[in-house]
C-alpha atoms as a PDB file:
ATOM      1  CA  UNK A   1      12.278  28.476 -15.922  1.00  0.00           C
ATOM      2  CA  UNK A   2      14.668  26.190 -17.365  1.00  0.00           C
ATOM      3  CA  UNK A   3      17.979  27.225 -17.938  1.00  0.00           C
ATOM      4  CA  UNK A   4      20.408  25.445 -19.913  1.00  0.00           C
ATOM      5  CA  UNK A   5      22.683  23.156 -17.271  1.00  0.00           C
ATOM      6  CA  UNK A   6      20.526  23.283 -14.641  1.00  0.00           C
ATOM      7  CA  UNK A   7      20.186  19.606 -13.309  1.00  0.00           C
ATOM      8  CA  UNK A   8      16.549  19.980 -12.308  1.00  0.00           C
ATOM      9  CA  UNK A   9      14.808  18.310  -9.134  1.00  0.00           C
ATOM     10  CA  UNK A  10      16.998  15.362  -7.851  1.00  0.00           C
ATOM     11  CA  UNK A  11      15.978  11.776  -9.007  1.00  0.00           C
ATOM     12  CA  UNK A  12      13.309  10.755  -6.577  1.00  0.00           C
ATOM     13  CA  UNK A  13      12.162  13.883  -5.016  1.00  0.00           C
ATOM     14  CA  UNK A  14       8.900  14.486  -4.747  1.00  0.00           C
ATOM     15  CA  UNK A  15       6.922  17.579  -5.989  1.00  0.00           C
ATOM     16  CA  UNK A  16       4.859  20.134  -3.521  1.00  0.00           C
ATOM     17  CA  UNK A  17       0.839  18.845  -4.987  1.00  0.00           C
ATOM     18  CA  UNK A  18       2.389  15.094  -4.393  1.00  0.00           C
ATOM     19  CA  UNK A  19       3.740  16.495  -0.990  1.00  0.00           C
ATOM     20  CA  UNK A  20       0.146  18.549  -0.348  1.00  0.00           C
ATOM     21  CA  UNK A  21      -2.234  15.826  -1.493  1.00  0.00           C
ATOM     22  CA  UNK A  22       0.169  13.264   0.902  1.00  0.00           C
ATOM     23  CA  UNK A  23      -0.344  15.588   4.070  1.00  0.00           C
ATOM     24  CA  UNK A  24      -4.547  16.326   3.165  1.00  0.00           C
ATOM     25  CA  UNK A  25      -4.882  11.813   3.391  1.00  0.00           C
ATOM     26  CA  UNK A  26      -2.951  11.567   6.545  1.00  0.00           C
ATOM     27  CA  UNK A  27      -4.745  14.674   8.057  1.00  0.00           C
ATOM     28  CA  UNK A  28      -8.190  12.707   6.852  1.00  0.00           C
ATOM     29  CA  UNK A  29      -6.813   9.732   8.114  1.00  0.00           C
ATOM     30  CA  UNK A  30      -6.377  10.771  11.702  1.00  0.00           C
ATOM     31  CA  UNK A  31     -10.093  12.678  11.721  1.00  0.00           C
ATOM     32  CA  UNK A  32     -11.481   9.466  10.783  1.00  0.00           C
ATOM     33  CA  UNK A  33      -9.645   7.497  13.429  1.00  0.00           C
ATOM     34  CA  UNK A  34      -6.538   6.621  12.284  1.00  0.00           C
ATOM     35  CA  UNK A  35      -5.129   2.552  12.989  1.00  0.00           C
ATOM     36  CA  UNK A  36      -7.720   1.719  15.406  1.00  0.00           C
ATOM     37  CA  UNK A  37     -10.643   2.355  13.036  1.00  0.00           C
ATOM     38  CA  UNK A  38      -8.618   1.191   9.673  1.00  0.00           C
ATOM     39  CA  UNK A  39      -8.300  -1.894  12.178  1.00  0.00           C
ATOM     40  CA  UNK A  40     -12.071  -2.031  12.782  1.00  0.00           C
ATOM     41  CA  UNK A  41     -12.841  -1.632   9.395  1.00  0.00           C
ATOM     42  CA  UNK A  42     -10.394  -3.997   8.113  1.00  0.00           C
ATOM     43  CA  UNK A  43     -11.980  -6.795  10.591  1.00  0.00           C
ATOM     44  CA  UNK A  44     -15.991  -6.083   8.599  1.00  0.00           C
ATOM     45  CA  UNK A  45     -14.189  -5.868   5.138  1.00  0.00           C
ATOM     46  CA  UNK A  46     -11.094  -7.845   4.690  1.00  0.00           C
ATOM     47  CA  UNK A  47     -11.961  -8.738   1.399  1.00  0.00           C
ATOM     48  CA  UNK A  48     -11.838  -5.026   0.377  1.00  0.00           C
ATOM     49  CA  UNK A  49      -8.744  -4.533   2.887  1.00  0.00           C
ATOM     50  CA  UNK A  50      -6.844  -7.020   1.190  1.00  0.00           C
ATOM     51  CA  UNK A  51      -7.672  -5.958  -2.489  1.00  0.00           C
ATOM     52  CA  UNK A  52      -6.723  -1.993  -1.560  1.00  0.00           C
ATOM     53  CA  UNK A  53      -3.214  -3.565   0.194  1.00  0.00           C
ATOM     54  CA  UNK A  54      -3.027  -5.723  -3.069  1.00  0.00           C
ATOM     55  CA  UNK A  55      -3.008  -2.486  -5.002  1.00  0.00           C
ATOM     56  CA  UNK A  56      -0.881  -0.182  -2.974  1.00  0.00           C
ATOM     57  CA  UNK A  57       2.405  -3.119  -2.942  1.00  0.00           C
ATOM     58  CA  UNK A  58       4.798  -3.909  -5.680  1.00  0.00           C
ATOM     59  CA  UNK A  59       3.222  -7.102  -7.932  1.00  0.00           C
ATOM     60  CA  UNK A  60       6.729  -8.770  -7.584  1.00  0.00           C
ATOM     61  CA  UNK A  61       9.581  -8.535  -5.510  1.00  0.00           C
ATOM     62  CA  UNK A  62      12.821  -9.710  -6.661  1.00  0.00           C
ATOM     63  CA  UNK A  63      14.328 -12.372  -4.070  1.00  0.00           C
ATOM     64  CA  UNK A  64      17.902 -13.551  -4.602  1.00  0.00           C
ATOM     65  CA  UNK A  65      18.925 -14.682  -7.606  1.00  0.00           C
ATOM     66  CA  UNK A  66      16.320 -14.749 -10.492  1.00  0.00           C
ATOM     67  CA  UNK A  67      13.681 -15.980  -7.819  1.00  0.00           C
ATOM     68  CA  UNK A  68      10.945 -13.686  -8.320  1.00  0.00           C
ATOM     69  CA  UNK A  69       7.172 -13.975  -5.779  1.00  0.00           C
ATOM     70  CA  UNK A  70       4.121 -12.170  -6.686  1.00  0.00           C
ATOM     71  CA  UNK A  71       3.413 -10.624  -3.515  1.00  0.00           C
ATOM     72  CA  UNK A  72      -0.491 -10.309  -4.795  1.00  0.00           C
ATOM     73  CA  UNK A  73      -0.740 -14.120  -5.349  1.00  0.00           C
ATOM     74  CA  UNK A  74       0.839 -14.516  -1.799  1.00  0.00           C
ATOM     75  CA  UNK A  75      -1.628 -12.320  -0.141  1.00  0.00           C
ATOM     76  CA  UNK A  76      -4.422 -13.645  -1.466  1.00  0.00           C
ATOM     77  CA  UNK A  77      -3.467 -17.566  -0.502  1.00  0.00           C
ATOM     78  CA  UNK A  78      -2.846 -16.396   3.131  1.00  0.00           C
ATOM     79  CA  UNK A  79      -6.282 -14.501   3.305  1.00  0.00           C
ATOM     80  CA  UNK A  80      -7.934 -17.854   2.153  1.00  0.00           C
ATOM     81  CA  UNK A  81      -5.711 -19.746   4.117  1.00  0.00           C
ATOM     82  CA  UNK A  82      -7.029 -17.486   7.387  1.00  0.00           C
ATOM     83  CA  UNK A  83     -10.683 -17.760   6.243  1.00  0.00           C
ATOM     84  CA  UNK A  84     -10.491 -21.437   6.228  1.00  0.00           C
ATOM     85  CA  UNK A  85      -8.450 -21.593   9.403  1.00  0.00           C
ATOM     86  CA  UNK A  86     -11.319 -18.889  10.761  1.00  0.00           C
ATOM     87  CA  UNK A  87     -14.244 -20.879   9.394  1.00  0.00           C
ATOM     88  CA  UNK A  88     -13.090 -24.428  10.845  1.00  0.00           C
ATOM     89  CA  UNK A  89     -13.152 -23.228  14.447  1.00  0.00           C
END
């Protein structure tokens, strides 16, 4: 129960439910084959893989000064460049 003067949970700390969900996902990930299975799936489904990755990473990364890069756009450009390179072989 909340008590006056109690600072509460430290800023940025995870609650137990979030921790339990992450542990469950890690268990299923391992059961499904872990990194090796993910790599094979990503090779077979690169567009879906990049969609998922783009949702998991920050949309912007602040660099020195006021310059900002939209990481999602950079990721898409890299994927398209790789696709062109693969198609030209």
